Amino acid sequence: MPQREEEGEGAKLGDKEELSRKIKEQKVIVDELSNLKKNRKVYRQQQNSNIFFLADRTQTLSECKSILLEFIDKPRNSESAKSEPRSSEGTLYFKIVYV
């Protein structure tokens, strides 16, 4: 029985570390998009593919900010609801093109 409790605590710690990693990653994405010059183009990667499509910079930034807020609010909401943020399916990949 004590072994199961330790596994449960380890899983919680792993979840916290994973959430912390995702938050840091999302903060970097938001920071990169926030500091782009107006003439830069942003391409988003199609999910499960190696194809990139041109995306609106401001829309992409606002989506990334909302995903970050979802990750930050997750620990507060996890006690009441066990829902994953909509971005949990995968990482947002983007490419910046200098014109």
PDB file of N, CA and C in Angstrom:
ATOM      1  N   MET A   1       0.804  -1.209   0.000  1.00  0.00           N
ATOM      2  CA  MET A   1       0.000   0.000   0.000  1.00  0.00           C
ATOM      3  C   MET A   1       0.847   1.273   0.000  1.00  0.00           C
ATOM      4  N   PRO A   2       1.887   1.409   0.817  1.00  0.00           N
ATOM      5  CA  PRO A   2       2.673   2.635   0.789  1.00  0.00           C
ATOM      6  C   PRO A   2       3.288   2.911  -0.583  1.00  0.00           C
ATOM      7  N   GLN A   3       3.577   1.846  -1.326  1.00  0.00           N
ATOM      8  CA  GLN A   3       4.165   2.031  -2.649  1.00  0.00           C
ATOM      9  C   GLN A   3       3.194   2.753  -3.584  1.00  0.00           C
ATOM     10  N   ARG A   4       1.926   2.450  -3.516  1.00  0.00           N
ATOM     11  CA  ARG A   4       0.918   3.111  -4.359  1.00  0.00           C
ATOM     12  C   ARG A   4       0.823   4.595  -4.026  1.00  0.00           C
ATOM     13  N   GLU A   5       0.919   4.941  -2.755  1.00  0.00           N
ATOM     14  CA  GLU A   5       0.880   6.350  -2.368  1.00  0.00           C
ATOM     15  C   GLU A   5       2.072   7.089  -2.948  1.00  0.00           C
ATOM     16  N   GLU A   6       3.245   6.459  -2.924  1.00  0.00           N
ATOM     17  CA  GLU A   6       4.441   7.082  -3.485  1.00  0.00           C
ATOM     18  C   GLU A   6       4.295   7.266  -4.986  1.00  0.00           C
ATOM     19  N   GLU A   7       3.723   6.265  -5.675  1.00  0.00           N
ATOM     20  CA  GLU A   7       3.510   6.385  -7.108  1.00  0.00           C
ATOM     21  C   GLU A   7       2.556   7.530  -7.417  1.00  0.00           C
ATOM     22  N   GLY A   8       1.528   7.685  -6.611  1.00  0.00           N
ATOM     23  CA  GLY A   8       0.569   8.771  -6.795  1.00  0.00           C
ATOM     24  C   GLY A   8       1.224  10.124  -6.610  1.00  0.00           C
ATOM     25  N   GLU A   9       2.086  10.246  -5.593  1.00  0.00           N
ATOM     26  CA  GLU A   9       2.795  11.498  -5.365  1.00  0.00           C
ATOM     27  C   GLU A   9       3.775  11.773  -6.492  1.00  0.00           C
ATOM     28  N   GLY A  10       4.436  10.722  -6.988  1.00  0.00           N
ATOM     29  CA  GLY A  10       5.366  10.883  -8.102  1.00  0.00           C
ATOM     30  C   GLY A  10       4.658  11.325  -9.363  1.00  0.00           C
ATOM     31  N   ALA A  11       3.467  10.791  -9.582  1.00  0.00           N
ATOM     32  CA  ALA A  11       2.686  11.187 -10.755  1.00  0.00           C
ATOM     33  C   ALA A  11       2.259  12.645 -10.644  1.00  0.00           C
ATOM     34  N   LYS A  12       1.876  13.073  -9.430  1.00  0.00           N
ATOM     35  CA  LYS A  12       1.498  14.476  -9.223  1.00  0.00           C
ATOM     36  C   LYS A  12       2.688  15.391  -9.468  1.00  0.00           C
ATOM     37  N   LEU A  13       3.856  14.977  -8.991  1.00  0.00           N
ATOM     38  CA  LEU A  13       5.062  15.771  -9.186  1.00  0.00           C
ATOM     39  C   LEU A  13       5.414  15.830 -10.667  1.00  0.00           C
ATOM     40  N   GLY A  14       5.273  14.709 -11.376  1.00  0.00           N
ATOM     41  CA  GLY A  14       5.530  14.680 -12.807  1.00  0.00           C
ATOM     42  C   GLY A  14       4.576  15.580 -13.571  1.00  0.00           C
ATOM     43  N   ASP A  15       3.299  15.588 -13.148  1.00  0.00           N
ATOM     44  CA  ASP A  15       2.314  16.460 -13.786  1.00  0.00           C
ATOM     45  C   ASP A  15       2.660  17.924 -13.556  1.00  0.00           C
ATOM     46  N   LYS A  16       3.110  18.248 -12.356  1.00  0.00           N
ATOM     47  CA  LYS A  16       3.485  19.634 -12.046  1.00  0.00           C
ATOM     48  C   LYS A  16       4.687  20.064 -12.864  1.00  0.00           C
ATOM     49  N   GLU A  17       5.665  19.168 -12.997  1.00  0.00           N
ATOM     50  CA  GLU A  17       6.852  19.479 -13.803  1.00  0.00           C
ATOM     51  C   GLU A  17       6.483  19.654 -15.268  1.00  0.00           C
ATOM     52  N   GLU A  18       5.601  18.808 -15.770  1.00  0.00           N
ATOM     53  CA  GLU A  18       5.148  18.904 -17.159  1.00  0.00           C
ATOM     54  C   GLU A  18       4.387  20.210 -17.380  1.00  0.00           C
ATOM     55  N   LEU A  19       3.522  20.559 -16.453  1.00  0.00           N
ATOM     56  CA  LEU A  19       2.777  21.815 -16.555  1.00  0.00           C
ATOM     57  C   LEU A  19       3.723  23.007 -16.499  1.00  0.00           C
ATOM     58  N   SER A  20       4.709  22.947 -15.624  1.00  0.00           N
ATOM     59  CA  SER A  20       5.691  24.024 -15.525  1.00  0.00           C
ATOM     60  C   SER A  20       6.476  24.173 -16.831  1.00  0.00           C
ATOM     61  N   ARG A  21       6.832  23.057 -17.443  1.00  0.00           N
ATOM     62  CA  ARG A  21       7.556  23.085 -18.712  1.00  0.00           C
ATOM     63  C   ARG A  21       6.690  23.697 -19.812  1.00  0.00           C
ATOM     64  N   LYS A  22       5.413  23.322 -19.845  1.00  0.00           N
ATOM     65  CA  LYS A  22       4.505  23.860 -20.852  1.00  0.00           C
ATOM     66  C   LYS A  22       4.294  25.363 -20.664  1.00  0.00           C
ATOM     67  N   ILE A  23       4.205  25.798 -19.415  1.00  0.00           N
ATOM     68  CA  ILE A  23       4.034  27.231 -19.142  1.00  0.00           C
ATOM     69  C   ILE A  23       5.257  28.004 -19.606  1.00  0.00           C
ATOM     70  N   LYS A  24       6.453  27.492 -19.304  1.00  0.00           N
ATOM     71  CA  LYS A  24       7.678  28.168 -19.743  1.00  0.00           C
ATOM     72  C   LYS A  24       7.753  28.227 -21.269  1.00  0.00           C
ATOM     73  N   GLU A  25       7.420  27.139 -21.914  1.00  0.00           N
ATOM     74  CA  GLU A  25       7.444  27.070 -23.371  1.00  0.00           C
ATOM     75  C   GLU A  25       6.460  28.075 -23.977  1.00  0.00           C
ATOM     76  N   GLN A  26       5.274  28.153 -23.390  1.00  0.00           N
ATOM     77  CA  GLN A  26       4.266  29.071 -23.903  1.00  0.00           C
ATOM     78  C   GLN A  26       4.671  30.529 -23.666  1.00  0.00           C
ATOM     79  N   LYS A  27       5.333  30.801 -22.539  1.00  0.00           N
ATOM     80  CA  LYS A  27       5.817  32.157 -22.269  1.00  0.00           C
ATOM     81  C   LYS A  27       6.843  32.585 -23.315  1.00  0.00           C
ATOM     82  N   VAL A  28       7.711  31.663 -23.724  1.00  0.00           N
ATOM     83  CA  VAL A  28       8.706  31.963 -24.752  1.00  0.00           C
ATOM     84  C   VAL A  28       8.018  32.286 -26.075  1.00  0.00           C
ATOM     85  N   ILE A  29       7.010  31.500 -26.424  1.00  0.00           N
ATOM     86  CA  ILE A  29       6.283  31.733 -27.672  1.00  0.00           C
ATOM     87  C   ILE A  29       5.621  33.108 -27.651  1.00  0.00           C
ATOM     88  N   VAL A  30       4.957  33.444 -26.550  1.00  0.00           N
ATOM     89  CA  VAL A  30       4.285  34.743 -26.434  1.00  0.00           C
ATOM     90  C   VAL A  30       5.305  35.867 -26.511  1.00  0.00           C
ATOM     91  N   ASP A  31       6.435  35.699 -25.849  1.00  0.00           N
ATOM     92  CA  ASP A  31       7.476  36.723 -25.871  1.00  0.00           C
ATOM     93  C   ASP A  31       8.040  36.918 -27.275  1.00  0.00           C
ATOM     94  N   GLU A  32       8.303  35.827 -27.965  1.00  0.00           N
ATOM     95  CA  GLU A  32       8.827  35.912 -29.338  1.00  0.00           C
ATOM     96  C   GLU A  32       7.835  36.630 -30.258  1.00  0.00           C
ATOM     97  N   LEU A  33       6.572  36.269 -30.165  1.00  0.00           N
ATOM     98  CA  LEU A  33       5.560  36.894 -31.020  1.00  0.00           C
ATOM     99  C   LEU A  33       5.337  38.364 -30.647  1.00  0.00           C
ATOM    100  N   SER A  34       5.454  38.685 -29.372  1.00  0.00           N
ATOM    101  CA  SER A  34       5.262  40.068 -28.919  1.00  0.00           C
ATOM    102  C   SER A  34       6.360  40.991 -29.415  1.00  0.00           C
ATOM    103  N   ASN A  35       7.550  40.464 -29.577  1.00  0.00           N
ATOM    104  CA  ASN A  35       8.696  41.292 -29.946  1.00  0.00           C
ATOM    105  C   ASN A  35       8.989  41.318 -31.442  1.00  0.00           C
ATOM    106  N   LEU A  36       8.097  40.753 -32.231  1.00  0.00           N
ATOM    107  CA  LEU A  36       8.295  40.778 -33.680  1.00  0.00           C
ATOM    108  C   LEU A  36       8.028  42.158 -34.251  1.00  0.00           C
ATOM    109  N   LYS A  37       8.792  42.512 -35.268  1.00  0.00           N
ATOM    110  CA  LYS A  37       8.510  43.743 -35.995  1.00  0.00           C
ATOM    111  C   LYS A  37       7.268  43.533 -36.848  1.00  0.00           C
ATOM    112  N   LYS A  38       6.629  44.624 -37.211  1.00  0.00           N
ATOM    113  CA  LYS A  38       5.365  44.551 -37.954  1.00  0.00           C
ATOM    114  C   LYS A  38       5.504  43.871 -39.314  1.00  0.00           C
ATOM    115  N   ASN A  39       6.677  43.979 -39.944  1.00  0.00           N
ATOM    116  CA  ASN A  39       6.834  43.421 -41.298  1.00  0.00           C
ATOM    117  C   ASN A  39       7.239  41.942 -41.301  1.00  0.00           C
ATOM    118  N   ARG A  40       7.318  41.307 -40.163  1.00  0.00           N
ATOM    119  CA  ARG A  40       7.677  39.892 -40.093  1.00  0.00           C
ATOM    120  C   ARG A  40       6.446  39.024 -40.323  1.00  0.00           C
ATOM    121  N   LYS A  41       6.640  37.893 -40.944  1.00  0.00           N
ATOM    122  CA  LYS A  41       5.547  36.966 -41.202  1.00  0.00           C
ATOM    123  C   LYS A  41       5.673  35.766 -40.272  1.00  0.00           C
ATOM    124  N   VAL A  42       4.544  35.253 -39.871  1.00  0.00           N
ATOM    125  CA  VAL A  42       4.489  34.098 -38.978  1.00  0.00           C
ATOM    126  C   VAL A  42       3.776  32.966 -39.704  1.00  0.00           C
ATOM    127  N   TYR A  43       4.358  31.798 -39.639  1.00  0.00           N
ATOM    128  CA  TYR A  43       3.757  30.600 -40.224  1.00  0.00           C
ATOM    129  C   TYR A  43       3.491  29.608 -39.105  1.00  0.00           C
ATOM    130  N   ARG A  44       2.297  29.031 -39.125  1.00  0.00           N
ATOM    131  CA  ARG A  44       1.933  28.000 -38.143  1.00  0.00           C
ATOM    132  C   ARG A  44       2.010  26.641 -38.797  1.00  0.00           C
ATOM    133  N   GLN A  45       2.487  25.683 -38.025  1.00  0.00           N
ATOM    134  CA  GLN A  45       2.608  24.329 -38.552  1.00  0.00           C
ATOM    135  C   GLN A  45       1.270  23.618 -38.476  1.00  0.00           C
ATOM    136  N   GLN A  46       0.907  22.976 -39.564  1.00  0.00           N
ATOM    137  CA  GLN A  46      -0.300  22.161 -39.588  1.00  0.00           C
ATOM    138  C   GLN A  46      -0.085  20.980 -38.647  1.00  0.00           C
ATOM    139  N   GLN A  47      -1.066  20.689 -37.811  1.00  0.00           N
ATOM    140  CA  GLN A  47      -0.946  19.620 -36.840  1.00  0.00           C
ATOM    141  C   GLN A  47      -0.702  18.280 -37.533  1.00  0.00           C
ATOM    142  N   ASN A  48       0.204  17.495 -36.983  1.00  0.00           N
ATOM    143  CA  ASN A  48       0.580  16.179 -37.504  1.00  0.00           C
ATOM    144  C   ASN A  48       1.121  16.243 -38.924  1.00  0.00           C
ATOM    145  N   SER A  49       1.841  17.308 -39.233  1.00  0.00           N
ATOM    146  CA  SER A  49       2.349  17.496 -40.585  1.00  0.00           C
ATOM    147  C   SER A  49       3.610  18.355 -40.532  1.00  0.00           C
ATOM    148  N   ASN A  50       4.340  18.374 -41.618  1.00  0.00           N
ATOM    149  CA  ASN A  50       5.518  19.237 -41.723  1.00  0.00           C
ATOM    150  C   ASN A  50       5.231  20.449 -42.603  1.00  0.00           C
ATOM    151  N   ILE A  51       3.971  20.772 -42.766  1.00  0.00           N
ATOM    152  CA  ILE A  51       3.569  21.878 -43.635  1.00  0.00           C
ATOM    153  C   ILE A  51       3.255  23.098 -42.777  1.00  0.00           C
ATOM    154  N   PHE A  52       3.777  24.265 -43.192  1.00  0.00           N
ATOM    155  CA  PHE A  52       3.520  25.525 -42.499  1.00  0.00           C
ATOM    156  C   PHE A  52       2.615  26.398 -43.354  1.00  0.00           C
ATOM    157  N   PHE A  53       1.664  27.083 -42.694  1.00  0.00           N
ATOM    158  CA  PHE A  53       0.752  27.996 -43.387  1.00  0.00           C
ATOM    159  C   PHE A  53       0.905  29.392 -42.810  1.00  0.00           C
ATOM    160  N   LEU A  54       0.786  30.392 -43.669  1.00  0.00           N
ATOM    161  CA  LEU A  54       0.860  31.776 -43.240  1.00  0.00           C
ATOM    162  C   LEU A  54      -0.269  32.061 -42.257  1.00  0.00           C
ATOM    163  N   ALA A  55       0.086  32.719 -41.142  1.00  0.00           N
ATOM    164  CA  ALA A  55      -0.906  33.025 -40.109  1.00  0.00           C
ATOM    165  C   ALA A  55      -0.848  34.508 -39.769  1.00  0.00           C
ATOM    166  N   ASP A  56      -1.943  35.018 -39.286  1.00  0.00           N
ATOM    167  CA  ASP A  56      -1.997  36.400 -38.836  1.00  0.00           C
ATOM    168  C   ASP A  56      -1.238  36.516 -37.514  1.00  0.00           C
ATOM    169  N   ARG A  57      -0.287  37.448 -37.460  1.00  0.00           N
ATOM    170  CA  ARG A  57       0.571  37.587 -36.284  1.00  0.00           C
ATOM    171  C   ARG A  57      -0.224  37.950 -35.034  1.00  0.00           C
ATOM    172  N   THR A  58      -1.129  38.914 -35.130  1.00  0.00           N
ATOM    173  CA  THR A  58      -1.882  39.351 -33.950  1.00  0.00           C
ATOM    174  C   THR A  58      -2.851  38.276 -33.467  1.00  0.00           C
ATOM    175  N   GLN A  59      -3.465  37.558 -34.398  1.00  0.00           N
ATOM    176  CA  GLN A  59      -4.372  36.479 -34.011  1.00  0.00           C
ATOM    177  C   GLN A  59      -3.589  35.346 -33.340  1.00  0.00           C
ATOM    178  N   THR A  60      -2.446  35.011 -33.894  1.00  0.00           N
ATOM    179  CA  THR A  60      -1.615  33.958 -33.311  1.00  0.00           C
ATOM    180  C   THR A  60      -1.153  34.357 -31.908  1.00  0.00           C
ATOM    181  N   LEU A  61      -0.772  35.619 -31.746  1.00  0.00           N
ATOM    182  CA  LEU A  61      -0.351  36.109 -30.436  1.00  0.00           C
ATOM    183  C   LEU A  61      -1.485  36.019 -29.426  1.00  0.00           C
ATOM    184  N   SER A  62      -2.677  36.425 -29.807  1.00  0.00           N
ATOM    185  CA  SER A  62      -3.799  36.367 -28.866  1.00  0.00           C
ATOM    186  C   SER A  62      -4.162  34.922 -28.514  1.00  0.00           C
ATOM    187  N   GLU A  63      -4.078  34.015 -29.489  1.00  0.00           N
ATOM    188  CA  GLU A  63      -4.335  32.602 -29.207  1.00  0.00           C
ATOM    189  C   GLU A  63      -3.301  32.039 -28.240  1.00  0.00           C
ATOM    190  N   CYS A  64      -2.044  32.410 -28.449  1.00  0.00           N
ATOM    191  CA  CYS A  64      -0.974  31.925 -27.567  1.00  0.00           C
ATOM    192  C   CYS A  64      -1.131  32.469 -26.151  1.00  0.00           C
ATOM    193  N   LYS A  65      -1.560  33.720 -26.036  1.00  0.00           N
ATOM    194  CA  LYS A  65      -1.787  34.305 -24.713  1.00  0.00           C
ATOM    195  C   LYS A  65      -2.927  33.599 -23.995  1.00  0.00           C
ATOM    196  N   SER A  66      -3.990  33.277 -24.720  1.00  0.00           N
ATOM    197  CA  SER A  66      -5.105  32.587 -24.077  1.00  0.00           C
ATOM    198  C   SER A  66      -4.711  31.167 -23.654  1.00  0.00           C
ATOM    199  N   ILE A  67      -3.898  30.513 -24.463  1.00  0.00           N
ATOM    200  CA  ILE A  67      -3.404  29.177 -24.095  1.00  0.00           C
ATOM    201  C   ILE A  67      -2.546  29.271 -22.834  1.00  0.00           C
ATOM    202  N   LEU A  68      -1.704  30.298 -22.759  1.00  0.00           N
ATOM    203  CA  LEU A  68      -0.866  30.500 -21.571  1.00  0.00           C
ATOM    204  C   LEU A  68      -1.736  30.719 -20.342  1.00  0.00           C
ATOM    205  N   LEU A  69      -2.766  31.531 -20.460  1.00  0.00           N
ATOM    206  CA  LEU A  69      -3.664  31.760 -19.330  1.00  0.00           C
ATOM    207  C   LEU A  69      -4.368  30.479 -18.900  1.00  0.00           C
ATOM    208  N   GLU A  70      -4.724  29.638 -19.855  1.00  0.00           N
ATOM    209  CA  GLU A  70      -5.344  28.353 -19.521  1.00  0.00           C
ATOM    210  C   GLU A  70      -4.382  27.479 -18.725  1.00  0.00           C
ATOM    211  N   PHE A  71      -3.119  27.459 -19.135  1.00  0.00           N
ATOM    212  CA  PHE A  71      -2.121  26.676 -18.403  1.00  0.00           C
ATOM    213  C   PHE A  71      -1.898  27.227 -17.005  1.00  0.00           C
ATOM    214  N   ILE A  72      -1.889  28.545 -16.876  1.00  0.00           N
ATOM    215  CA  ILE A  72      -1.667  29.163 -15.569  1.00  0.00           C
ATOM    216  C   ILE A  72      -2.860  28.920 -14.655  1.00  0.00           C
ATOM    217  N   ASP A  73      -4.069  28.965 -15.203  1.00  0.00           N
ATOM    218  CA  ASP A  73      -5.277  28.758 -14.400  1.00  0.00           C
ATOM    219  C   ASP A  73      -5.538  27.294 -14.098  1.00  0.00           C
ATOM    220  N   LYS A  74      -4.860  26.380 -14.783  1.00  0.00           N
ATOM    221  CA  LYS A  74      -5.122  24.955 -14.614  1.00  0.00           C
ATOM    222  C   LYS A  74      -4.973  24.487 -13.164  1.00  0.00           C
ATOM    223  N   PRO A  75      -3.907  24.868 -12.425  1.00  0.00           N
ATOM    224  CA  PRO A  75      -3.810  24.389 -11.039  1.00  0.00           C
ATOM    225  C   PRO A  75      -4.981  24.851 -10.170  1.00  0.00           C
ATOM    226  N   ARG A  76      -5.495  26.043 -10.414  1.00  0.00           N
ATOM    227  CA  ARG A  76      -6.629  26.552  -9.647  1.00  0.00           C
ATOM    228  C   ARG A  76      -7.901  25.783  -9.976  1.00  0.00           C
ATOM    229  N   ASN A  77      -8.058  25.439 -11.252  1.00  0.00           N
ATOM    230  CA  ASN A  77      -9.272  24.765 -11.695  1.00  0.00           C
ATOM    231  C   ASN A  77      -9.201  23.252 -11.538  1.00  0.00           C
ATOM    232  N   SER A  78      -8.016  22.701 -11.303  1.00  0.00           N
ATOM    233  CA  SER A  78      -7.870  21.246 -11.278  1.00  0.00           C
ATOM    234  C   SER A  78      -8.602  20.606 -10.110  1.00  0.00           C
ATOM    235  N   GLU A  79      -8.800  21.360  -9.029  1.00  0.00           N
ATOM    236  CA  GLU A  79      -9.515  20.789  -7.899  1.00  0.00           C
ATOM    237  C   GLU A  79     -11.005  20.667  -8.188  1.00  0.00           C
ATOM    238  N   SER A  80     -11.548  21.625  -8.936  1.00  0.00           N
ATOM    239  CA  SER A  80     -12.977  21.601  -9.207  1.00  0.00           C
ATOM    240  C   SER A  80     -13.316  20.849 -10.490  1.00  0.00           C
ATOM    241  N   ALA A  81     -12.449  20.976 -11.499  1.00  0.00           N
ATOM    242  CA  ALA A  81     -12.704  20.313 -12.782  1.00  0.00           C
ATOM    243  C   ALA A  81     -11.403  19.746 -13.319  1.00  0.00           C
ATOM    244  N   LYS A  82     -11.456  18.557 -13.824  1.00  0.00           N
ATOM    245  CA  LYS A  82     -10.258  17.883 -14.320  1.00  0.00           C
ATOM    246  C   LYS A  82     -10.128  18.030 -15.828  1.00  0.00           C
ATOM    247  N   SER A  83     -10.353  19.220 -16.347  1.00  0.00           N
ATOM    248  CA  SER A  83     -10.286  19.422 -17.795  1.00  0.00           C
ATOM    249  C   SER A  83      -8.904  19.891 -18.213  1.00  0.00           C
ATOM    250  N   GLU A  84      -8.471  19.431 -19.353  1.00  0.00           N
ATOM    251  CA  GLU A  84      -7.195  19.835 -19.938  1.00  0.00           C
ATOM    252  C   GLU A  84      -7.393  21.093 -20.765  1.00  0.00           C
ATOM    253  N   PRO A  85      -6.386  21.969 -20.820  1.00  0.00           N
ATOM    254  CA  PRO A  85      -6.483  23.101 -21.733  1.00  0.00           C
ATOM    255  C   PRO A  85      -6.584  22.611 -23.171  1.00  0.00           C
ATOM    256  N   ARG A  86      -7.213  23.391 -24.022  1.00  0.00           N
ATOM    257  CA  ARG A  86      -7.420  22.946 -25.401  1.00  0.00           C
ATOM    258  C   ARG A  86      -6.115  22.752 -26.138  1.00  0.00           C
ATOM    259  N   SER A  87      -5.027  23.311 -25.637  1.00  0.00           N
ATOM    260  CA  SER A  87      -3.744  23.198 -26.307  1.00  0.00           C
ATOM    261  C   SER A  87      -2.978  21.948 -25.910  1.00  0.00           C
ATOM    262  N   SER A  88      -3.554  21.106 -25.059  1.00  0.00           N
ATOM    263  CA  SER A  88      -2.839  19.935 -24.571  1.00  0.00           C
ATOM    264  C   SER A  88      -2.604  18.896 -25.655  1.00  0.00           C
ATOM    265  N   GLU A  89      -3.271  19.038 -26.787  1.00  0.00           N
ATOM    266  CA  GLU A  89      -3.118  18.065 -27.858  1.00  0.00           C
ATOM    267  C   GLU A  89      -1.723  18.103 -28.450  1.00  0.00           C
ATOM    268  N   GLY A  90      -1.098  19.246 -28.426  1.00  0.00           N
ATOM    269  CA  GLY A  90       0.228  19.353 -28.999  1.00  0.00           C
ATOM    270  C   GLY A  90       0.807  20.731 -28.815  1.00  0.00           C
ATOM    271  N   THR A  91       2.031  20.855 -29.207  1.00  0.00           N
ATOM    272  CA  THR A  91       2.730  22.117 -29.080  1.00  0.00           C
ATOM    273  C   THR A  91       2.454  22.975 -30.301  1.00  0.00           C
ATOM    274  N   LEU A  92       2.363  24.265 -30.070  1.00  0.00           N
ATOM    275  CA  LEU A  92       2.205  25.193 -31.179  1.00  0.00           C
ATOM    276  C   LEU A  92       3.573  25.451 -31.777  1.00  0.00           C
ATOM    277  N   TYR A  93       3.716  25.161 -33.053  1.00  0.00           N
ATOM    278  CA  TYR A  93       4.967  25.421 -33.756  1.00  0.00           C
ATOM    279  C   TYR A  93       4.756  26.562 -34.706  1.00  0.00           C
ATOM    280  N   PHE A  94       5.718  27.447 -34.774  1.00  0.00           N
ATOM    281  CA  PHE A  94       5.625  28.534 -35.722  1.00  0.00           C
ATOM    282  C   PHE A  94       6.987  28.853 -36.274  1.00  0.00           C
ATOM    283  N   LYS A  95       6.996  29.560 -37.348  1.00  0.00           N
ATOM    284  CA  LYS A  95       8.231  29.931 -38.023  1.00  0.00           C
ATOM    285  C   LYS A  95       8.159  31.410 -38.342  1.00  0.00           C
ATOM    286  N   ILE A  96       9.233  32.138 -38.098  1.00  0.00           N
ATOM    287  CA  ILE A  96       9.288  33.563 -38.382  1.00  0.00           C
ATOM    288  C   ILE A  96      10.131  33.759 -39.639  1.00  0.00           C
ATOM    289  N   VAL A  97       9.572  34.497 -40.574  1.00  0.00           N
ATOM    290  CA  VAL A  97      10.275  34.747 -41.845  1.00  0.00           C
ATOM    291  C   VAL A  97      10.640  36.226 -41.896  1.00  0.00           C
ATOM    292  N   TYR A  98      11.902  36.494 -42.156  1.00  0.00           N
ATOM    293  CA  TYR A  98      12.373  37.866 -42.273  1.00  0.00           C
ATOM    294  C   TYR A  98      12.274  38.328 -43.712  1.00  0.00           C
ATOM    295  N   VAL A  99      11.582  39.434 -43.918  1.00  0.00           N
ATOM    296  CA  VAL A  99      11.354  39.940 -45.270  1.00  0.00           C
ATOM    297  C   VAL A  99      12.309  41.085 -45.551  1.00  0.00           C
TER     298      VAL A  99
END
